[in-house]
């Protein structure tokens, strides 16, 4: 190599190394705060009206708003309670509060999204609510496009119309407001590759995938797992085109039991089994459960230990953070919420 060309190559390599080092240093300094996992807490308008400790979360999704019967607007359930939730910012000024629209059995999405006029009317009404209440954005919880499993209307065109809805909401909300969605664990019904340019992040509902005698939210595949595990749900979303840093992993603060047994319903709140059941641990699925005398699973739930495993998984996978449903389902000590905050945000 001629001497001049050699020195030119050396100089170019030095410049590239210096530029990369400068970029990497800036990126690392910037990401130290920005890459801390977020914690998204759903709070239901119909719950006990107990307000959570706002220091245990970065985001609140207030559930729910609904699509109107005219398909061109939205309503908010229990707006007076929403105002109380908004006052939590007095204790945590950095808290983001978002209105979640939809929920199980919440219909009118299909009709609204199929009509350009209704879709824009809905988007504008959402923007009005965001501005009137001083919200930080919207979360869309349509369960689910093209599916009538929840007893709502649907159409084969729902998936494409969902993308158009995300486009119109982003246009109306602008770039500074949050736009998120809640999705089924299997990553079905949505064209993520078309939608992600409009979305800030995706909340995976990685629970409610089975009933006893199967567990509804195992981390890994075990004999007790339902149709999909937490890990399988995350991998399904990644394959569908959702970037890791736009995924939050949803966890339940409630138990899913067999029938309407009052002891099972009370256990998650009090820890009392009534002497009828024994505590068990699925060391493959990394979840606890209550079993009857025959060893059959009767109550599937998460504990601080299983939540810690899921928080470690979030970090190992490089995900954006955690989500949970929902604040008032936790016990009076808020042990579930505290465990998620401790293990995810404080690195325990």
C-alpha atoms as a PDB file:
ATOM      1  CA  UNK A   1       0.000   0.000   0.000  1.00  0.00           C
ATOM      2  CA  UNK A   2       1.451   3.459  -0.880  1.00  0.00           C
ATOM      3  CA  UNK A   3       2.516   5.454   2.208  1.00  0.00           C
ATOM      4  CA  UNK A   4      -0.018   8.277   1.559  1.00  0.00           C
ATOM      5  CA  UNK A   5      -2.880   5.784   1.194  1.00  0.00           C
ATOM      6  CA  UNK A   6      -1.718   3.953   4.306  1.00  0.00           C
ATOM      7  CA  UNK A   7      -1.726   7.115   6.444  1.00  0.00           C
ATOM      8  CA  UNK A   8      -5.102   8.110   4.974  1.00  0.00           C
ATOM      9  CA  UNK A   9      -6.532   4.738   5.998  1.00  0.00           C
ATOM     10  CA  UNK A  10      -5.056   5.053   9.488  1.00  0.00           C
ATOM     11  CA  UNK A  11      -6.478   8.585   9.840  1.00  0.00           C
ATOM     12  CA  UNK A  12      -9.909   7.448   8.637  1.00  0.00           C
ATOM     13  CA  UNK A  13      -9.895   4.537  11.090  1.00  0.00           C
ATOM     14  CA  UNK A  14      -8.952   6.911  13.912  1.00  0.00           C
ATOM     15  CA  UNK A  15     -11.756   9.308  12.984  1.00  0.00           C
ATOM     16  CA  UNK A  16     -14.274   6.474  12.799  1.00  0.00           C
ATOM     17  CA  UNK A  17     -13.096   5.094  16.148  1.00  0.00           C
ATOM     18  CA  UNK A  18     -13.286   8.543  17.722  1.00  0.00           C
ATOM     19  CA  UNK A  19     -16.758   9.148  16.273  1.00  0.00           C
ATOM     20  CA  UNK A  20     -17.992   5.777  17.444  1.00  0.00           C
ATOM     21  CA  UNK A  21     -16.546   6.344  20.917  1.00  0.00           C
ATOM     22  CA  UNK A  22     -18.179   9.780  21.122  1.00  0.00           C
ATOM     23  CA  UNK A  23     -21.509   8.340  19.941  1.00  0.00           C
ATOM     24  CA  UNK A  24     -21.297   5.368  22.283  1.00  0.00           C
ATOM     25  CA  UNK A  25     -20.384   7.567  25.267  1.00  0.00           C
ATOM     26  CA  UNK A  26     -23.255   9.943  24.536  1.00  0.00           C
ATOM     27  CA  UNK A  27     -25.638   7.045  23.996  1.00  0.00           C
ATOM     28  CA  UNK A  28     -24.594   5.384  27.241  1.00  0.00           C
ATOM     29  CA  UNK A  29     -24.945   8.603  29.216  1.00  0.00           C
ATOM     30  CA  UNK A  30     -28.321   9.284  27.646  1.00  0.00           C
ATOM     31  CA  UNK A  31     -29.610   5.764  28.070  1.00  0.00           C
ATOM     32  CA  UNK A  32     -28.675   5.452  31.734  1.00  0.00           C
ATOM     33  CA  UNK A  33     -31.977   7.142  32.580  1.00  0.00           C
ATOM     34  CA  UNK A  34     -33.993   6.487  29.439  1.00  0.00           C
ATOM     35  CA  UNK A  35     -33.304   2.756  29.400  1.00  0.00           C
ATOM     36  CA  UNK A  36     -34.571   2.190  32.932  1.00  0.00           C
ATOM     37  CA  UNK A  37     -37.601  -0.109  32.650  1.00  0.00           C
ATOM     38  CA  UNK A  38     -40.992   1.548  32.816  1.00  0.00           C
ATOM     39  CA  UNK A  39     -43.874   0.282  34.980  1.00  0.00           C
ATOM     40  CA  UNK A  40     -47.375   0.680  33.520  1.00  0.00           C
ATOM     41  CA  UNK A  41     -50.222   0.261  36.013  1.00  0.00           C
ATOM     42  CA  UNK A  42     -53.814  -0.153  34.893  1.00  0.00           C
ATOM     43  CA  UNK A  43     -56.385   1.201  37.323  1.00  0.00           C
ATOM     44  CA  UNK A  44     -60.078   0.380  36.847  1.00  0.00           C
ATOM     45  CA  UNK A  45     -62.790   2.998  37.140  1.00  0.00           C
ATOM     46  CA  UNK A  46     -65.164   0.476  38.762  1.00  0.00           C
ATOM     47  CA  UNK A  47     -62.769  -0.921  41.370  1.00  0.00           C
ATOM     48  CA  UNK A  48     -62.539  -0.243  45.072  1.00  0.00           C
ATOM     49  CA  UNK A  49     -61.607   3.380  44.327  1.00  0.00           C
ATOM     50  CA  UNK A  50     -58.448   2.821  46.377  1.00  0.00           C
ATOM     51  CA  UNK A  51     -55.692   4.952  44.931  1.00  0.00           C
ATOM     52  CA  UNK A  52     -52.312   3.256  44.485  1.00  0.00           C
ATOM     53  CA  UNK A  53     -48.957   4.524  45.704  1.00  0.00           C
ATOM     54  CA  UNK A  54     -47.859   6.609  42.677  1.00  0.00           C
ATOM     55  CA  UNK A  55     -44.187   6.171  43.563  1.00  0.00           C
ATOM     56  CA  UNK A  56     -44.450   2.528  42.459  1.00  0.00           C
ATOM     57  CA  UNK A  57     -45.164   3.232  38.782  1.00  0.00           C
ATOM     58  CA  UNK A  58     -44.082   5.401  35.862  1.00  0.00           C
ATOM     59  CA  UNK A  59     -47.388   5.241  33.942  1.00  0.00           C
ATOM     60  CA  UNK A  60     -51.057   4.795  34.778  1.00  0.00           C
ATOM     61  CA  UNK A  61     -53.576   3.544  32.214  1.00  0.00           C
ATOM     62  CA  UNK A  62     -57.031   4.614  33.367  1.00  0.00           C
ATOM     63  CA  UNK A  63     -59.613   2.011  32.342  1.00  0.00           C
ATOM     64  CA  UNK A  64     -61.782   2.646  30.506  1.00  0.00           C
ATOM     65  CA  UNK A  65     -63.135   4.948  27.869  1.00  0.00           C
ATOM     66  CA  UNK A  66     -65.687   3.546  25.421  1.00  0.00           C
ATOM     67  CA  UNK A  67     -66.546   4.107  21.762  1.00  0.00           C
ATOM     68  CA  UNK A  68     -69.972   5.764  21.546  1.00  0.00           C
ATOM     69  CA  UNK A  69     -72.997   4.093  19.974  1.00  0.00           C
ATOM     70  CA  UNK A  70     -72.831   6.661  17.174  1.00  0.00           C
ATOM     71  CA  UNK A  71     -69.293   5.366  16.402  1.00  0.00           C
ATOM     72  CA  UNK A  72     -67.849   8.891  16.106  1.00  0.00           C
ATOM     73  CA  UNK A  73     -66.843   9.724  19.659  1.00  0.00           C
ATOM     74  CA  UNK A  74     -65.916   8.364  23.071  1.00  0.00           C
ATOM     75  CA  UNK A  75     -67.045   8.496  26.698  1.00  0.00           C
ATOM     76  CA  UNK A  76     -65.101   8.124  29.955  1.00  0.00           C
ATOM     77  CA  UNK A  77     -66.277   5.869  32.753  1.00  0.00           C
ATOM     78  CA  UNK A  78     -66.416   7.530  36.165  1.00  0.00           C
ATOM     79  CA  UNK A  79     -64.723  10.828  35.210  1.00  0.00           C
ATOM     80  CA  UNK A  80     -64.742  12.015  38.839  1.00  0.00           C
ATOM     81  CA  UNK A  81     -62.488   9.117  39.786  1.00  0.00           C
ATOM     82  CA  UNK A  82     -60.219   9.978  36.857  1.00  0.00           C
ATOM     83  CA  UNK A  83     -59.792  13.439  38.358  1.00  0.00           C
ATOM     84  CA  UNK A  84     -58.663  11.847  41.631  1.00  0.00           C
ATOM     85  CA  UNK A  85     -56.192   9.670  39.738  1.00  0.00           C
ATOM     86  CA  UNK A  86     -54.820  12.755  37.980  1.00  0.00           C
ATOM     87  CA  UNK A  87     -54.081  14.336  41.348  1.00  0.00           C
ATOM     88  CA  UNK A  88     -51.537  11.562  41.980  1.00  0.00           C
ATOM     89  CA  UNK A  89     -49.156  13.725  39.949  1.00  0.00           C
ATOM     90  CA  UNK A  90     -48.901  15.938  43.026  1.00  0.00           C
ATOM     91  CA  UNK A  91     -46.978  13.080  44.668  1.00  0.00           C
ATOM     92  CA  UNK A  92     -45.125  11.981  41.524  1.00  0.00           C
ATOM     93  CA  UNK A  93     -44.742  14.862  39.027  1.00  0.00           C
ATOM     94  CA  UNK A  94     -43.103  12.562  36.434  1.00  0.00           C
ATOM     95  CA  UNK A  95     -46.084  10.186  36.384  1.00  0.00           C
ATOM     96  CA  UNK A  96     -47.661   9.706  32.937  1.00  0.00           C
ATOM     97  CA  UNK A  97     -51.438   9.199  32.968  1.00  0.00           C
ATOM     98  CA  UNK A  98     -53.104   7.739  29.895  1.00  0.00           C
ATOM     99  CA  UNK A  99     -56.747   6.988  29.079  1.00  0.00           C
ATOM    100  CA  UNK A 100     -57.277   3.389  27.982  1.00  0.00           C
ATOM    101  CA  UNK A 101     -60.229   2.911  25.634  1.00  0.00           C
ATOM    102  CA  UNK A 102     -61.871  -0.477  25.237  1.00  0.00           C
ATOM    103  CA  UNK A 103     -61.627  -3.575  27.409  1.00  0.00           C
ATOM    104  CA  UNK A 104     -63.251  -7.001  27.311  1.00  0.00           C
ATOM    105  CA  UNK A 105     -66.772  -6.888  25.756  1.00  0.00           C
ATOM    106  CA  UNK A 106     -66.266  -3.221  24.736  1.00  0.00           C
ATOM    107  CA  UNK A 107     -67.653  -2.948  21.218  1.00  0.00           C
ATOM    108  CA  UNK A 108     -68.303  -0.373  18.463  1.00  0.00           C
ATOM    109  CA  UNK A 109     -64.648  -0.455  17.392  1.00  0.00           C
ATOM    110  CA  UNK A 110     -65.298  -2.326  14.162  1.00  0.00           C
ATOM    111  CA  UNK A 111     -67.976   0.087  12.949  1.00  0.00           C
ATOM    112  CA  UNK A 112     -65.990   3.150  14.001  1.00  0.00           C
ATOM    113  CA  UNK A 113     -62.707   2.063  12.400  1.00  0.00           C
ATOM    114  CA  UNK A 114     -64.396   1.057   9.126  1.00  0.00           C
ATOM    115  CA  UNK A 115     -65.713   4.549   8.360  1.00  0.00           C
ATOM    116  CA  UNK A 116     -63.256   7.380   7.662  1.00  0.00           C
ATOM    117  CA  UNK A 117     -65.645  10.027   9.007  1.00  0.00           C
ATOM    118  CA  UNK A 118     -66.370   8.106  12.212  1.00  0.00           C
ATOM    119  CA  UNK A 119     -62.706   7.235  12.654  1.00  0.00           C
ATOM    120  CA  UNK A 120     -61.691  10.884  12.480  1.00  0.00           C
ATOM    121  CA  UNK A 121     -64.596  11.950  14.704  1.00  0.00           C
ATOM    122  CA  UNK A 122     -63.474   9.406  17.290  1.00  0.00           C
ATOM    123  CA  UNK A 123     -59.844  10.569  17.049  1.00  0.00           C
ATOM    124  CA  UNK A 124     -60.826  14.215  17.482  1.00  0.00           C
ATOM    125  CA  UNK A 125     -63.021  13.405  20.483  1.00  0.00           C
ATOM    126  CA  UNK A 126     -60.119  11.489  22.036  1.00  0.00           C
ATOM    127  CA  UNK A 127     -57.892  14.523  21.503  1.00  0.00           C
ATOM    128  CA  UNK A 128     -60.535  16.710  23.182  1.00  0.00           C
ATOM    129  CA  UNK A 129     -60.542  14.419  26.239  1.00  0.00           C
ATOM    130  CA  UNK A 130     -56.739  14.353  26.379  1.00  0.00           C
ATOM    131  CA  UNK A 131     -56.646  18.158  26.318  1.00  0.00           C
ATOM    132  CA  UNK A 132     -59.585  18.699  28.693  1.00  0.00           C
ATOM    133  CA  UNK A 133     -58.200  16.380  31.380  1.00  0.00           C
ATOM    134  CA  UNK A 134     -54.525  17.081  30.806  1.00  0.00           C
ATOM    135  CA  UNK A 135     -53.761  13.470  29.923  1.00  0.00           C
ATOM    136  CA  UNK A 136     -50.477  12.216  28.521  1.00  0.00           C
ATOM    137  CA  UNK A 137     -52.036  10.142  25.755  1.00  0.00           C
ATOM    138  CA  UNK A 138     -54.184   7.163  24.810  1.00  0.00           C
ATOM    139  CA  UNK A 139     -54.083   3.387  25.087  1.00  0.00           C
ATOM    140  CA  UNK A 140     -56.323   1.385  22.729  1.00  0.00           C
ATOM    141  CA  UNK A 141     -57.581  -1.928  24.108  1.00  0.00           C
ATOM    142  CA  UNK A 142     -59.679  -3.359  21.274  1.00  0.00           C
ATOM    143  CA  UNK A 143     -60.293  -7.022  22.181  1.00  0.00           C
ATOM    144  CA  UNK A 144     -59.927  -8.007  19.350  1.00  0.00           C
ATOM    145  CA  UNK A 145     -59.914  -6.906  15.689  1.00  0.00           C
ATOM    146  CA  UNK A 146     -61.582  -9.547  13.450  1.00  0.00           C
ATOM    147  CA  UNK A 147     -62.678 -11.537  16.534  1.00  0.00           C
ATOM    148  CA  UNK A 148     -66.106 -11.799  18.164  1.00  0.00           C
ATOM    149  CA  UNK A 149     -64.807 -13.857  21.085  1.00  0.00           C
ATOM    150  CA  UNK A 150     -65.839 -11.083  23.514  1.00  0.00           C
ATOM    151  CA  UNK A 151     -69.319 -10.847  22.020  1.00  0.00           C
ATOM    152  CA  UNK A 152     -68.605  -7.713  19.990  1.00  0.00           C
ATOM    153  CA  UNK A 153     -69.105  -6.991  16.307  1.00  0.00           C
ATOM    154  CA  UNK A 154     -66.212  -7.669  13.966  1.00  0.00           C
ATOM    155  CA  UNK A 155     -65.229  -7.713  10.314  1.00  0.00           C
ATOM    156  CA  UNK A 156     -62.454  -9.335   8.228  1.00  0.00           C
ATOM    157  CA  UNK A 157     -61.344  -5.764   7.435  1.00  0.00           C
ATOM    158  CA  UNK A 158     -60.710  -4.940  11.113  1.00  0.00           C
ATOM    159  CA  UNK A 159     -56.970  -5.549  10.998  1.00  0.00           C
ATOM    160  CA  UNK A 160     -56.428  -3.083   8.145  1.00  0.00           C
ATOM    161  CA  UNK A 161     -58.837  -0.613   9.725  1.00  0.00           C
ATOM    162  CA  UNK A 162     -56.984  -0.908  13.030  1.00  0.00           C
ATOM    163  CA  UNK A 163     -53.868   0.335  11.250  1.00  0.00           C
ATOM    164  CA  UNK A 164     -55.824   3.259   9.801  1.00  0.00           C
ATOM    165  CA  UNK A 165     -57.127   4.049  13.276  1.00  0.00           C
ATOM    166  CA  UNK A 166     -53.586   4.159  14.664  1.00  0.00           C
ATOM    167  CA  UNK A 167     -52.575   6.446  11.794  1.00  0.00           C
ATOM    168  CA  UNK A 168     -55.449   8.859  12.404  1.00  0.00           C
ATOM    169  CA  UNK A 169     -54.949   8.902  16.180  1.00  0.00           C
ATOM    170  CA  UNK A 170     -51.264   9.703  15.739  1.00  0.00           C
ATOM    171  CA  UNK A 171     -52.039  12.501  13.298  1.00  0.00           C
ATOM    172  CA  UNK A 172     -54.539  14.062  15.678  1.00  0.00           C
ATOM    173  CA  UNK A 173     -52.576  13.520  18.896  1.00  0.00           C
ATOM    174  CA  UNK A 174     -49.284  14.752  17.451  1.00  0.00           C
ATOM    175  CA  UNK A 175     -45.842  13.427  18.287  1.00  0.00           C
ATOM    176  CA  UNK A 176     -45.651  14.468  21.935  1.00  0.00           C
ATOM    177  CA  UNK A 177     -48.597  12.451  23.273  1.00  0.00           C
ATOM    178  CA  UNK A 178     -48.370   8.724  23.986  1.00  0.00           C
ATOM    179  CA  UNK A 179     -50.213   6.226  21.815  1.00  0.00           C
ATOM    180  CA  UNK A 180     -50.087   2.616  23.037  1.00  0.00           C
ATOM    181  CA  UNK A 181     -52.116  -0.570  22.620  1.00  0.00           C
ATOM    182  CA  UNK A 182     -52.916  -3.671  24.671  1.00  0.00           C
ATOM    183  CA  UNK A 183     -52.594  -6.958  22.768  1.00  0.00           C
ATOM    184  CA  UNK A 184     -53.513 -10.607  23.122  1.00  0.00           C
ATOM    185  CA  UNK A 185     -50.628 -12.824  24.253  1.00  0.00           C
ATOM    186  CA  UNK A 186     -50.540 -14.665  20.916  1.00  0.00           C
ATOM    187  CA  UNK A 187     -49.788 -11.436  18.970  1.00  0.00           C
ATOM    188  CA  UNK A 188     -52.771 -12.101  16.687  1.00  0.00           C
ATOM    189  CA  UNK A 189     -55.243  -9.748  14.992  1.00  0.00           C
ATOM    190  CA  UNK A 190     -52.898  -6.752  14.451  1.00  0.00           C
ATOM    191  CA  UNK A 191     -50.476  -5.881  11.643  1.00  0.00           C
ATOM    192  CA  UNK A 192     -47.644  -4.769  13.906  1.00  0.00           C
ATOM    193  CA  UNK A 193     -45.218  -3.983  11.109  1.00  0.00           C
ATOM    194  CA  UNK A 194     -47.692  -1.490   9.683  1.00  0.00           C
ATOM    195  CA  UNK A 195     -48.649  -0.030  13.068  1.00  0.00           C
ATOM    196  CA  UNK A 196     -45.353   0.367  14.906  1.00  0.00           C
ATOM    197  CA  UNK A 197     -44.460   3.675  13.253  1.00  0.00           C
ATOM    198  CA  UNK A 198     -47.497   5.182  14.979  1.00  0.00           C
ATOM    199  CA  UNK A 199     -47.076   3.529  18.396  1.00  0.00           C
ATOM    200  CA  UNK A 200     -44.898   4.348  21.378  1.00  0.00           C
ATOM    201  CA  UNK A 201     -45.138   0.847  22.836  1.00  0.00           C
ATOM    202  CA  UNK A 202     -47.225  -2.323  23.097  1.00  0.00           C
ATOM    203  CA  UNK A 203     -48.622  -3.830  26.324  1.00  0.00           C
ATOM    204  CA  UNK A 204     -48.770  -7.640  26.106  1.00  0.00           C
ATOM    205  CA  UNK A 205     -51.637  -9.152  28.092  1.00  0.00           C
ATOM    206  CA  UNK A 206     -49.595 -12.237  28.972  1.00  0.00           C
ATOM    207  CA  UNK A 207     -52.276 -13.695  31.234  1.00  0.00           C
ATOM    208  CA  UNK A 208     -55.809 -15.186  31.146  1.00  0.00           C
ATOM    209  CA  UNK A 209     -54.708 -17.861  28.684  1.00  0.00           C
ATOM    210  CA  UNK A 210     -56.154 -20.809  30.651  1.00  0.00           C
ATOM    211  CA  UNK A 211     -58.404 -21.890  33.503  1.00  0.00           C
ATOM    212  CA  UNK A 212     -57.707 -24.447  36.255  1.00  0.00           C
ATOM    213  CA  UNK A 213     -56.347 -27.085  36.245  1.00  0.00           C
ATOM    214  CA  UNK A 214     -53.907 -25.099  34.079  1.00  0.00           C
ATOM    215  CA  UNK A 215     -52.032 -21.953  35.033  1.00  0.00           C
ATOM    216  CA  UNK A 216     -52.852 -18.776  33.122  1.00  0.00           C
ATOM    217  CA  UNK A 217     -49.469 -17.021  33.247  1.00  0.00           C
ATOM    218  CA  UNK A 218     -46.465 -19.372  33.462  1.00  0.00           C
ATOM    219  CA  UNK A 219     -43.154 -17.826  32.504  1.00  0.00           C
ATOM    220  CA  UNK A 220     -41.912 -20.954  30.716  1.00  0.00           C
ATOM    221  CA  UNK A 221     -43.597 -24.047  29.258  1.00  0.00           C
ATOM    222  CA  UNK A 222     -44.478 -26.643  31.912  1.00  0.00           C
ATOM    223  CA  UNK A 223     -47.157 -29.364  32.273  1.00  0.00           C
ATOM    224  CA  UNK A 224     -49.336 -26.736  33.985  1.00  0.00           C
ATOM    225  CA  UNK A 225     -49.066 -24.132  31.212  1.00  0.00           C
ATOM    226  CA  UNK A 226     -52.061 -22.898  29.264  1.00  0.00           C
ATOM    227  CA  UNK A 227     -52.151 -22.326  25.514  1.00  0.00           C
ATOM    228  CA  UNK A 228     -49.175 -19.919  25.591  1.00  0.00           C
ATOM    229  CA  UNK A 229     -46.510 -18.947  28.112  1.00  0.00           C
ATOM    230  CA  UNK A 230     -45.115 -15.518  28.938  1.00  0.00           C
ATOM    231  CA  UNK A 231     -41.886 -16.271  27.083  1.00  0.00           C
ATOM    232  CA  UNK A 232     -43.801 -17.592  24.058  1.00  0.00           C
ATOM    233  CA  UNK A 233     -45.963 -14.447  24.062  1.00  0.00           C
ATOM    234  CA  UNK A 234     -42.925 -12.182  24.013  1.00  0.00           C
ATOM    235  CA  UNK A 235     -41.264 -14.175  21.247  1.00  0.00           C
ATOM    236  CA  UNK A 236     -44.494 -14.102  19.211  1.00  0.00           C
ATOM    237  CA  UNK A 237     -44.553 -10.304  19.398  1.00  0.00           C
ATOM    238  CA  UNK A 238     -40.901 -10.054  18.423  1.00  0.00           C
ATOM    239  CA  UNK A 239     -41.507 -12.275  15.390  1.00  0.00           C
ATOM    240  CA  UNK A 240     -44.546 -10.147  14.493  1.00  0.00           C
ATOM    241  CA  UNK A 241     -42.338  -7.071  14.216  1.00  0.00           C
ATOM    242  CA  UNK A 242     -42.481  -5.343  17.599  1.00  0.00           C
ATOM    243  CA  UNK A 243     -39.049  -4.049  18.698  1.00  0.00           C
ATOM    244  CA  UNK A 244     -37.886  -5.150  22.143  1.00  0.00           C
ATOM    245  CA  UNK A 245     -37.735  -1.557  23.356  1.00  0.00           C
ATOM    246  CA  UNK A 246     -41.386  -1.112  22.450  1.00  0.00           C
ATOM    247  CA  UNK A 247     -42.668  -4.076  24.474  1.00  0.00           C
ATOM    248  CA  UNK A 248     -43.989  -4.126  28.015  1.00  0.00           C
ATOM    249  CA  UNK A 249     -44.759  -7.464  29.628  1.00  0.00           C
ATOM    250  CA  UNK A 250     -48.174  -7.664  31.280  1.00  0.00           C
ATOM    251  CA  UNK A 251     -48.601  -9.416  34.634  1.00  0.00           C
ATOM    252  CA  UNK A 252     -51.725 -10.080  36.725  1.00  0.00           C
ATOM    253  CA  UNK A 253     -52.188  -8.918  40.311  1.00  0.00           C
ATOM    254  CA  UNK A 254     -55.130 -11.300  40.722  1.00  0.00           C
ATOM    255  CA  UNK A 255     -55.690 -15.029  40.866  1.00  0.00           C
ATOM    256  CA  UNK A 256     -57.622 -17.157  38.405  1.00  0.00           C
ATOM    257  CA  UNK A 257     -59.499 -19.883  40.268  1.00  0.00           C
ATOM    258  CA  UNK A 258     -61.819 -22.787  39.754  1.00  0.00           C
ATOM    259  CA  UNK A 259     -65.483 -21.829  40.034  1.00  0.00           C
ATOM    260  CA  UNK A 260     -66.691 -19.198  42.498  1.00  0.00           C
ATOM    261  CA  UNK A 261     -65.016 -20.510  45.663  1.00  0.00           C
ATOM    262  CA  UNK A 262     -64.863 -17.668  48.200  1.00  0.00           C
ATOM    263  CA  UNK A 263     -61.696 -19.014  49.815  1.00  0.00           C
ATOM    264  CA  UNK A 264     -59.861 -18.865  46.492  1.00  0.00           C
ATOM    265  CA  UNK A 265     -61.231 -15.402  45.768  1.00  0.00           C
ATOM    266  CA  UNK A 266     -59.998 -14.161  49.147  1.00  0.00           C
ATOM    267  CA  UNK A 267     -56.583 -15.815  49.071  1.00  0.00           C
ATOM    268  CA  UNK A 268     -54.775 -13.294  46.850  1.00  0.00           C
ATOM    269  CA  UNK A 269     -55.945 -10.445  49.097  1.00  0.00           C
ATOM    270  CA  UNK A 270     -55.296 -12.112  52.466  1.00  0.00           C
ATOM    271  CA  UNK A 271     -53.021 -15.120  51.961  1.00  0.00           C
ATOM    272  CA  UNK A 272     -55.482 -17.307  53.877  1.00  0.00           C
ATOM    273  CA  UNK A 273     -56.202 -20.760  52.453  1.00  0.00           C
ATOM    274  CA  UNK A 274     -58.830 -21.773  54.985  1.00  0.00           C
ATOM    275  CA  UNK A 275     -56.965 -25.052  55.437  1.00  0.00           C
ATOM    276  CA  UNK A 276     -58.553 -26.410  52.278  1.00  0.00           C
ATOM    277  CA  UNK A 277     -55.626 -25.985  49.903  1.00  0.00           C
ATOM    278  CA  UNK A 278     -51.865 -26.244  49.938  1.00  0.00           C
ATOM    279  CA  UNK A 279     -49.370 -23.846  48.418  1.00  0.00           C
ATOM    280  CA  UNK A 280     -47.324 -25.261  45.547  1.00  0.00           C
ATOM    281  CA  UNK A 281     -44.552 -24.028  43.260  1.00  0.00           C
ATOM    282  CA  UNK A 282     -44.066 -24.876  39.575  1.00  0.00           C
ATOM    283  CA  UNK A 283     -40.295 -24.746  39.273  1.00  0.00           C
ATOM    284  CA  UNK A 284     -40.391 -25.039  35.480  1.00  0.00           C
ATOM    285  CA  UNK A 285     -43.109 -22.441  34.855  1.00  0.00           C
ATOM    286  CA  UNK A 286     -41.756 -20.279  37.730  1.00  0.00           C
ATOM    287  CA  UNK A 287     -45.199 -19.624  39.231  1.00  0.00           C
ATOM    288  CA  UNK A 288     -47.050 -20.524  42.443  1.00  0.00           C
ATOM    289  CA  UNK A 289     -50.493 -22.077  42.711  1.00  0.00           C
ATOM    290  CA  UNK A 290     -52.924 -23.547  45.215  1.00  0.00           C
ATOM    291  CA  UNK A 291     -53.759 -27.242  44.913  1.00  0.00           C
ATOM    292  CA  UNK A 292     -56.456 -29.428  46.412  1.00  0.00           C
ATOM    293  CA  UNK A 293     -55.900 -32.677  48.318  1.00  0.00           C
ATOM    294  CA  UNK A 294     -55.417 -34.520  45.026  1.00  0.00           C
ATOM    295  CA  UNK A 295     -52.708 -32.111  43.882  1.00  0.00           C
ATOM    296  CA  UNK A 296     -54.836 -30.512  41.167  1.00  0.00           C
ATOM    297  CA  UNK A 297     -54.330 -26.811  40.527  1.00  0.00           C
ATOM    298  CA  UNK A 298     -57.271 -24.811  41.895  1.00  0.00           C
ATOM    299  CA  UNK A 299     -55.906 -21.248  41.881  1.00  0.00           C
ATOM    300  CA  UNK A 300     -53.319 -19.774  39.517  1.00  0.00           C
ATOM    301  CA  UNK A 301     -51.681 -16.551  40.665  1.00  0.00           C
ATOM    302  CA  UNK A 302     -48.444 -14.568  40.788  1.00  0.00           C
ATOM    303  CA  UNK A 303     -46.444 -13.952  43.969  1.00  0.00           C
ATOM    304  CA  UNK A 304     -43.553 -11.575  44.682  1.00  0.00           C
ATOM    305  CA  UNK A 305     -41.204 -14.460  43.838  1.00  0.00           C
ATOM    306  CA  UNK A 306     -42.779 -15.224  40.438  1.00  0.00           C
ATOM    307  CA  UNK A 307     -42.986 -11.500  39.683  1.00  0.00           C
ATOM    308  CA  UNK A 308     -39.253 -11.259  40.427  1.00  0.00           C
ATOM    309  CA  UNK A 309     -38.571 -14.003  37.856  1.00  0.00           C
ATOM    310  CA  UNK A 310     -40.632 -12.092  35.287  1.00  0.00           C
ATOM    311  CA  UNK A 311     -38.827  -8.835  36.066  1.00  0.00           C
ATOM    312  CA  UNK A 312     -35.492 -10.572  35.558  1.00  0.00           C
ATOM    313  CA  UNK A 313     -36.810 -11.907  32.254  1.00  0.00           C
ATOM    314  CA  UNK A 314     -37.745  -8.358  31.173  1.00  0.00           C
ATOM    315  CA  UNK A 315     -34.185  -7.230  31.839  1.00  0.00           C
ATOM    316  CA  UNK A 316     -32.594 -10.240  30.167  1.00  0.00           C
ATOM    317  CA  UNK A 317     -34.726  -9.757  27.056  1.00  0.00           C
ATOM    318  CA  UNK A 318     -34.058  -6.016  26.906  1.00  0.00           C
ATOM    319  CA  UNK A 319     -37.762  -5.137  26.967  1.00  0.00           C
ATOM    320  CA  UNK A 320     -39.123  -1.671  27.658  1.00  0.00           C
ATOM    321  CA  UNK A 321     -40.689  -2.647  30.961  1.00  0.00           C
ATOM    322  CA  UNK A 322     -43.657  -4.134  32.777  1.00  0.00           C
ATOM    323  CA  UNK A 323     -47.424  -3.657  32.801  1.00  0.00           C
ATOM    324  CA  UNK A 324     -49.966  -5.041  35.233  1.00  0.00           C
ATOM    325  CA  UNK A 325     -53.708  -5.406  35.620  1.00  0.00           C
ATOM    326  CA  UNK A 326     -54.756  -3.848  37.900  1.00  0.00           C
ATOM    327  CA  UNK A 327     -53.937  -1.769  40.975  1.00  0.00           C
ATOM    328  CA  UNK A 328     -56.980  -2.480  43.123  1.00  0.00           C
ATOM    329  CA  UNK A 329     -56.568  -6.247  42.662  1.00  0.00           C
ATOM    330  CA  UNK A 330     -53.407  -6.152  44.785  1.00  0.00           C
ATOM    331  CA  UNK A 331     -53.590  -6.718  48.533  1.00  0.00           C
ATOM    332  CA  UNK A 332     -53.693  -3.878  51.051  1.00  0.00           C
ATOM    333  CA  UNK A 333     -49.889  -3.872  51.388  1.00  0.00           C
ATOM    334  CA  UNK A 334     -49.550  -3.546  47.601  1.00  0.00           C
ATOM    335  CA  UNK A 335     -47.036  -6.389  47.693  1.00  0.00           C
ATOM    336  CA  UNK A 336     -47.312  -7.188  43.993  1.00  0.00           C
ATOM    337  CA  UNK A 337     -46.759  -3.601  42.899  1.00  0.00           C
ATOM    338  CA  UNK A 338     -43.913  -3.170  45.364  1.00  0.00           C
ATOM    339  CA  UNK A 339     -42.214  -6.352  44.168  1.00  0.00           C
ATOM    340  CA  UNK A 340     -42.366  -5.259  40.520  1.00  0.00           C
ATOM    341  CA  UNK A 341     -40.957  -1.828  41.361  1.00  0.00           C
ATOM    342  CA  UNK A 342     -38.223  -3.257  43.594  1.00  0.00           C
ATOM    343  CA  UNK A 343     -36.968  -5.911  41.180  1.00  0.00           C
ATOM    344  CA  UNK A 344     -37.416  -3.942  37.972  1.00  0.00           C
ATOM    345  CA  UNK A 345     -36.427  -0.408  38.919  1.00  0.00           C
ATOM    346  CA  UNK A 346     -34.083  -0.881  41.840  1.00  0.00           C
ATOM    347  CA  UNK A 347     -32.244  -3.891  40.501  1.00  0.00           C
ATOM    348  CA  UNK A 348     -32.868  -6.207  43.420  1.00  0.00           C
END
